[in-house]
Amino acid sequence: MRRKLLITGSAAIVFAAAGCTTPVGPASSTSAISATFPPGIASASSSAEGTVVRFTSGETAVDVTIESDNPTTRDFLSMLPLTLSVEEFAGREKISQLPRKLETDRSPGSDPEDGDLIYYAPWGNIGFYYDTDGIGYSDQTIHLGTYDGSVEQLSRLEGGDVTAEVVHQQ
């Protein structure tokens, strides 16, 4: 019995060291955060703050600096790299639908400002805000980071494939 436990324990250590995880619930569930981070993110215990995500389409690139270390930002980073499409929404933001909803438990809402990249939980999309006039705090709008780009740059992301990938981690 002791030998069987030793072998089982050793196998668990090997799987843990290899980065294997056991899925919890269906693939579309937001009840568990992936323990795997993209290249450049050392581990789930690493802070997401300071990570730079680049959104690129053709010759246009918009860099976002992740400013929050919460379950939503870590889950977003775990999905990268991604190919997305960006579209205009309501004359206030450029949005992109993610392939699945992100974990939102224990992630605070926000009062978005121009230049924010947010995650809108009910729709499962990210948004590059450029006109937040009249938009207030919402528990459903989770701040991911900030970008330094113009509306023209954001517009050039529309209409084609946009690659989102980590280019730097603090």
C-alpha atoms as a PDB file:
ATOM      1  CA  MET A   1       0.000   0.000   0.000  1.00  0.00           C
ATOM      2  CA  ARG A   2       2.796   2.384   0.925  1.00  0.00           C
ATOM      3  CA  ARG A   3       4.551   1.699  -2.394  1.00  0.00           C
ATOM      4  CA  LYS A   4       1.314   2.359  -4.300  1.00  0.00           C
ATOM      5  CA  LEU A   5       0.914   5.714  -2.523  1.00  0.00           C
ATOM      6  CA  LEU A   6       4.539   6.609  -3.238  1.00  0.00           C
ATOM      7  CA  ILE A   7       4.101   5.879  -6.952  1.00  0.00           C
ATOM      8  CA  THR A   8       0.815   7.811  -7.086  1.00  0.00           C
ATOM      9  CA  GLY A   9       2.385  10.755  -5.250  1.00  0.00           C
ATOM     10  CA  SER A  10       5.386  10.732  -7.594  1.00  0.00           C
ATOM     11  CA  ALA A  11       3.116  10.720 -10.626  1.00  0.00           C
ATOM     12  CA  ALA A  12       1.187  13.689  -9.223  1.00  0.00           C
ATOM     13  CA  ILE A  13       4.433  15.623  -8.762  1.00  0.00           C
ATOM     14  CA  VAL A  14       5.536  14.824 -12.322  1.00  0.00           C
ATOM     15  CA  PHE A  15       2.183  15.981 -13.754  1.00  0.00           C
ATOM     16  CA  ALA A  16       2.250  19.151 -11.638  1.00  0.00           C
ATOM     17  CA  ALA A  17       5.808  19.936 -12.713  1.00  0.00           C
ATOM     18  CA  ALA A  18       4.847  19.395 -16.345  1.00  0.00           C
ATOM     19  CA  GLY A  19       2.055  21.954 -16.035  1.00  0.00           C
ATOM     20  CA  CYS A  20      -0.789  19.468 -16.514  1.00  0.00           C
ATOM     21  CA  THR A  21      -4.148  20.529 -15.164  1.00  0.00           C
ATOM     22  CA  THR A  22      -7.423  18.786 -14.725  1.00  0.00           C
ATOM     23  CA  PRO A  23     -10.352  20.667 -16.224  1.00  0.00           C
ATOM     24  CA  VAL A  24     -13.132  21.562 -13.830  1.00  0.00           C
ATOM     25  CA  GLY A  25     -16.588  21.578 -15.357  1.00  0.00           C
ATOM     26  CA  PRO A  26     -17.447  22.079 -19.031  1.00  0.00           C
ATOM     27  CA  ALA A  27     -15.079  23.910 -21.358  1.00  0.00           C
ATOM     28  CA  SER A  28     -17.301  26.988 -21.394  1.00  0.00           C
ATOM     29  CA  SER A  29     -17.402  27.194 -17.609  1.00  0.00           C
ATOM     30  CA  THR A  30     -15.958  30.257 -15.939  1.00  0.00           C
ATOM     31  CA  SER A  31     -15.650  28.528 -12.581  1.00  0.00           C
ATOM     32  CA  ALA A  32     -11.952  27.708 -12.890  1.00  0.00           C
ATOM     33  CA  ILE A  33      -8.965  29.744 -13.990  1.00  0.00           C
ATOM     34  CA  SER A  34      -6.443  28.087 -16.259  1.00  0.00           C
ATOM     35  CA  ALA A  35      -3.189  27.415 -14.462  1.00  0.00           C
ATOM     36  CA  THR A  36      -1.266  27.764 -17.708  1.00  0.00           C
ATOM     37  CA  PHE A  37       0.086  31.172 -18.698  1.00  0.00           C
ATOM     38  CA  PRO A  38       1.255  32.067 -22.205  1.00  0.00           C
ATOM     39  CA  PRO A  39       4.937  32.286 -23.107  1.00  0.00           C
ATOM     40  CA  GLY A  40       6.478  35.136 -21.147  1.00  0.00           C
ATOM     41  CA  ILE A  41       4.249  34.605 -18.123  1.00  0.00           C
ATOM     42  CA  ALA A  42       6.222  32.489 -15.688  1.00  0.00           C
ATOM     43  CA  SER A  43       3.436  30.952 -13.623  1.00  0.00           C
ATOM     44  CA  ALA A  44       0.011  31.407 -12.158  1.00  0.00           C
ATOM     45  CA  SER A  45       1.723  32.917  -9.114  1.00  0.00           C
ATOM     46  CA  SER A  46       3.357  35.624 -11.261  1.00  0.00           C
ATOM     47  CA  SER A  47       1.746  39.033 -11.192  1.00  0.00           C
ATOM     48  CA  ALA A  48      -0.075  40.054 -14.342  1.00  0.00           C
ATOM     49  CA  GLU A  49       0.572  43.756 -13.644  1.00  0.00           C
ATOM     50  CA  GLY A  50       3.002  45.334 -16.080  1.00  0.00           C
ATOM     51  CA  THR A  51       2.448  42.720 -18.780  1.00  0.00           C
ATOM     52  CA  VAL A  52       2.198  44.291 -22.236  1.00  0.00           C
ATOM     53  CA  VAL A  53      -0.244  42.792 -24.722  1.00  0.00           C
ATOM     54  CA  ARG A  54       0.101  43.874 -28.345  1.00  0.00           C
ATOM     55  CA  PHE A  55      -2.904  43.956 -30.682  1.00  0.00           C
ATOM     56  CA  THR A  56      -1.655  43.909 -34.285  1.00  0.00           C
ATOM     57  CA  SER A  57      -3.335  44.137 -37.678  1.00  0.00           C
ATOM     58  CA  GLY A  58      -1.194  44.775 -40.735  1.00  0.00           C
ATOM     59  CA  GLU A  59       1.119  47.705 -39.959  1.00  0.00           C
ATOM     60  CA  THR A  60      -0.928  48.863 -36.965  1.00  0.00           C
ATOM     61  CA  ALA A  61      -0.130  47.886 -33.387  1.00  0.00           C
ATOM     62  CA  VAL A  62      -1.772  48.990 -30.150  1.00  0.00           C
ATOM     63  CA  ASP A  63      -0.033  48.039 -26.896  1.00  0.00           C
ATOM     64  CA  VAL A  64      -2.007  47.536 -23.701  1.00  0.00           C
ATOM     65  CA  THR A  65      -0.290  47.554 -20.305  1.00  0.00           C
ATOM     66  CA  ILE A  66      -2.102  45.280 -17.873  1.00  0.00           C
ATOM     67  CA  GLU A  67      -2.684  47.219 -14.663  1.00  0.00           C
ATOM     68  CA  SER A  68      -4.705  44.788 -12.580  1.00  0.00           C
ATOM     69  CA  ASP A  69      -3.737  41.443 -11.146  1.00  0.00           C
ATOM     70  CA  ASN A  70      -7.040  39.675 -10.664  1.00  0.00           C
ATOM     71  CA  PRO A  71      -8.681  36.452 -11.881  1.00  0.00           C
ATOM     72  CA  THR A  72     -10.040  38.155 -15.017  1.00  0.00           C
ATOM     73  CA  THR A  73      -6.706  39.552 -16.213  1.00  0.00           C
ATOM     74  CA  ARG A  74      -4.913  36.279 -15.468  1.00  0.00           C
ATOM     75  CA  ASP A  75      -7.591  34.321 -17.351  1.00  0.00           C
ATOM     76  CA  PHE A  76      -7.356  36.743 -20.299  1.00  0.00           C
ATOM     77  CA  LEU A  77      -3.567  36.338 -20.436  1.00  0.00           C
ATOM     78  CA  SER A  78      -3.928  32.556 -20.307  1.00  0.00           C
ATOM     79  CA  MET A  79      -5.841  32.693 -23.624  1.00  0.00           C
ATOM     80  CA  LEU A  80      -3.074  34.441 -25.537  1.00  0.00           C
ATOM     81  CA  PRO A  81      -2.040  34.416 -28.317  1.00  0.00           C
ATOM     82  CA  LEU A  82      -5.419  34.937 -29.990  1.00  0.00           C
ATOM     83  CA  THR A  83      -6.705  35.999 -33.380  1.00  0.00           C
ATOM     84  CA  LEU A  84      -9.670  38.336 -33.001  1.00  0.00           C
ATOM     85  CA  SER A  85     -11.821  40.697 -35.011  1.00  0.00           C
ATOM     86  CA  VAL A  86     -12.454  44.249 -33.843  1.00  0.00           C
ATOM     87  CA  GLU A  87     -15.544  46.349 -34.567  1.00  0.00           C
ATOM     88  CA  GLU A  88     -16.960  49.738 -33.690  1.00  0.00           C
ATOM     89  CA  PHE A  89     -19.554  49.898 -30.910  1.00  0.00           C
ATOM     90  CA  ALA A  90     -21.828  52.842 -30.106  1.00  0.00           C
ATOM     91  CA  GLY A  91     -19.302  55.559 -30.964  1.00  0.00           C
ATOM     92  CA  ARG A  92     -17.561  54.892 -27.643  1.00  0.00           C
ATOM     93  CA  GLU A  93     -15.366  51.846 -28.003  1.00  0.00           C
ATOM     94  CA  LYS A  94     -13.901  49.225 -30.278  1.00  0.00           C
ATOM     95  CA  ILE A  95     -14.920  45.749 -29.149  1.00  0.00           C
ATOM     96  CA  SER A  96     -13.860  42.188 -29.763  1.00  0.00           C
ATOM     97  CA  GLN A  97     -15.673  39.004 -28.806  1.00  0.00           C
ATOM     98  CA  LEU A  98     -13.504  36.488 -26.956  1.00  0.00           C
ATOM     99  CA  PRO A  99     -13.739  32.747 -27.709  1.00  0.00           C
ATOM    100  CA  ARG A 100     -15.121  32.118 -24.211  1.00  0.00           C
ATOM    101  CA  LYS A 101     -16.174  34.077 -21.145  1.00  0.00           C
ATOM    102  CA  LEU A 102     -13.504  34.920 -18.588  1.00  0.00           C
ATOM    103  CA  GLU A 103     -13.425  34.216 -14.868  1.00  0.00           C
ATOM    104  CA  THR A 104     -14.869  37.212 -13.034  1.00  0.00           C
ATOM    105  CA  ASP A 105     -15.205  36.093  -9.399  1.00  0.00           C
ATOM    106  CA  ARG A 106     -13.134  38.318  -7.083  1.00  0.00           C
ATOM    107  CA  SER A 107     -12.474  40.844  -9.872  1.00  0.00           C
ATOM    108  CA  PRO A 108     -13.632  44.376  -9.082  1.00  0.00           C
ATOM    109  CA  GLY A 109     -15.818  46.452 -11.350  1.00  0.00           C
ATOM    110  CA  SER A 110     -14.604  49.777 -12.675  1.00  0.00           C
ATOM    111  CA  ASP A 111     -15.446  53.303 -13.734  1.00  0.00           C
ATOM    112  CA  PRO A 112     -13.860  53.244 -17.198  1.00  0.00           C
ATOM    113  CA  GLU A 113     -11.871  56.113 -18.666  1.00  0.00           C
ATOM    114  CA  ASP A 114     -10.718  56.889 -22.187  1.00  0.00           C
ATOM    115  CA  GLY A 115      -7.711  54.689 -22.952  1.00  0.00           C
ATOM    116  CA  ASP A 116      -8.935  51.712 -20.898  1.00  0.00           C
ATOM    117  CA  LEU A 117      -9.138  48.131 -22.098  1.00  0.00           C
ATOM    118  CA  ILE A 118     -12.032  46.516 -20.273  1.00  0.00           C
ATOM    119  CA  TYR A 119     -13.799  43.179 -20.123  1.00  0.00           C
ATOM    120  CA  TYR A 120     -17.598  43.394 -20.229  1.00  0.00           C
ATOM    121  CA  ALA A 121     -18.750  40.295 -18.373  1.00  0.00           C
ATOM    122  CA  PRO A 122     -22.361  39.936 -19.631  1.00  0.00           C
ATOM    123  CA  TRP A 123     -21.306  39.825 -23.286  1.00  0.00           C
ATOM    124  CA  GLY A 124     -17.887  38.188 -22.879  1.00  0.00           C
ATOM    125  CA  ASN A 125     -16.073  40.847 -24.896  1.00  0.00           C
ATOM    126  CA  ILE A 126     -13.157  43.200 -24.446  1.00  0.00           C
ATOM    127  CA  GLY A 127     -13.462  46.881 -25.292  1.00  0.00           C
ATOM    128  CA  PHE A 128     -11.023  49.679 -26.073  1.00  0.00           C
ATOM    129  CA  TYR A 129     -12.799  52.739 -24.636  1.00  0.00           C
ATOM    130  CA  TYR A 130     -12.159  56.060 -26.369  1.00  0.00           C
ATOM    131  CA  ASP A 131     -15.271  58.066 -25.332  1.00  0.00           C
ATOM    132  CA  THR A 132     -16.453  57.322 -21.788  1.00  0.00           C
ATOM    133  CA  ASP A 133     -18.402  60.541 -21.345  1.00  0.00           C
ATOM    134  CA  GLY A 134     -21.469  59.660 -19.268  1.00  0.00           C
ATOM    135  CA  ILE A 135     -20.357  56.099 -18.514  1.00  0.00           C
ATOM    136  CA  GLY A 136     -20.105  55.346 -14.823  1.00  0.00           C
ATOM    137  CA  TYR A 137     -19.071  52.564 -12.500  1.00  0.00           C
ATOM    138  CA  SER A 138     -20.298  49.030 -13.185  1.00  0.00           C
ATOM    139  CA  ASP A 139     -19.571  45.742 -11.433  1.00  0.00           C
ATOM    140  CA  GLN A 140     -19.806  44.139 -14.898  1.00  0.00           C
ATOM    141  CA  THR A 141     -17.039  46.269 -16.459  1.00  0.00           C
ATOM    142  CA  ILE A 142     -13.671  44.920 -15.355  1.00  0.00           C
ATOM    143  CA  HIS A 143     -10.555  47.012 -15.967  1.00  0.00           C
ATOM    144  CA  LEU A 144      -7.779  45.035 -17.685  1.00  0.00           C
ATOM    145  CA  GLY A 145      -5.294  47.754 -18.581  1.00  0.00           C
ATOM    146  CA  THR A 146      -4.605  50.932 -20.509  1.00  0.00           C
ATOM    147  CA  TYR A 147      -3.491  51.687 -24.038  1.00  0.00           C
ATOM    148  CA  ASP A 148      -1.811  54.719 -25.538  1.00  0.00           C
ATOM    149  CA  GLY A 149      -3.256  54.949 -29.009  1.00  0.00           C
ATOM    150  CA  SER A 150      -5.528  57.129 -31.097  1.00  0.00           C
ATOM    151  CA  VAL A 151      -9.028  56.438 -32.360  1.00  0.00           C
ATOM    152  CA  GLU A 152      -7.489  56.275 -35.851  1.00  0.00           C
ATOM    153  CA  GLN A 153      -5.131  53.496 -34.744  1.00  0.00           C
ATOM    154  CA  LEU A 154      -8.025  51.595 -33.187  1.00  0.00           C
ATOM    155  CA  SER A 155     -10.029  52.039 -36.409  1.00  0.00           C
ATOM    156  CA  ARG A 156      -7.212  50.439 -38.397  1.00  0.00           C
ATOM    157  CA  LEU A 157      -7.667  47.289 -36.279  1.00  0.00           C
ATOM    158  CA  GLU A 158     -11.179  46.884 -37.711  1.00  0.00           C
ATOM    159  CA  GLY A 159     -12.062  44.713 -40.673  1.00  0.00           C
ATOM    160  CA  GLY A 160      -9.342  42.078 -40.543  1.00  0.00           C
ATOM    161  CA  ASP A 161      -7.625  39.598 -38.302  1.00  0.00           C
ATOM    162  CA  VAL A 162      -6.093  41.092 -35.173  1.00  0.00           C
ATOM    163  CA  THR A 163      -3.414  39.187 -33.300  1.00  0.00           C
ATOM    164  CA  ALA A 164      -3.289  39.656 -29.526  1.00  0.00           C
ATOM    165  CA  GLU A 165      -0.113  38.423 -27.866  1.00  0.00           C
ATOM    166  CA  VAL A 166       2.082  39.034 -24.853  1.00  0.00           C
ATOM    167  CA  VAL A 167       5.183  41.003 -25.846  1.00  0.00           C
ATOM    168  CA  HIS A 168       6.567  41.880 -22.396  1.00  0.00           C
ATOM    169  CA  GLN A 169       6.161  40.983 -18.762  1.00  0.00           C
ATOM    170  CA  GLN A 170       7.524  43.020 -15.838  1.00  0.00           C
END
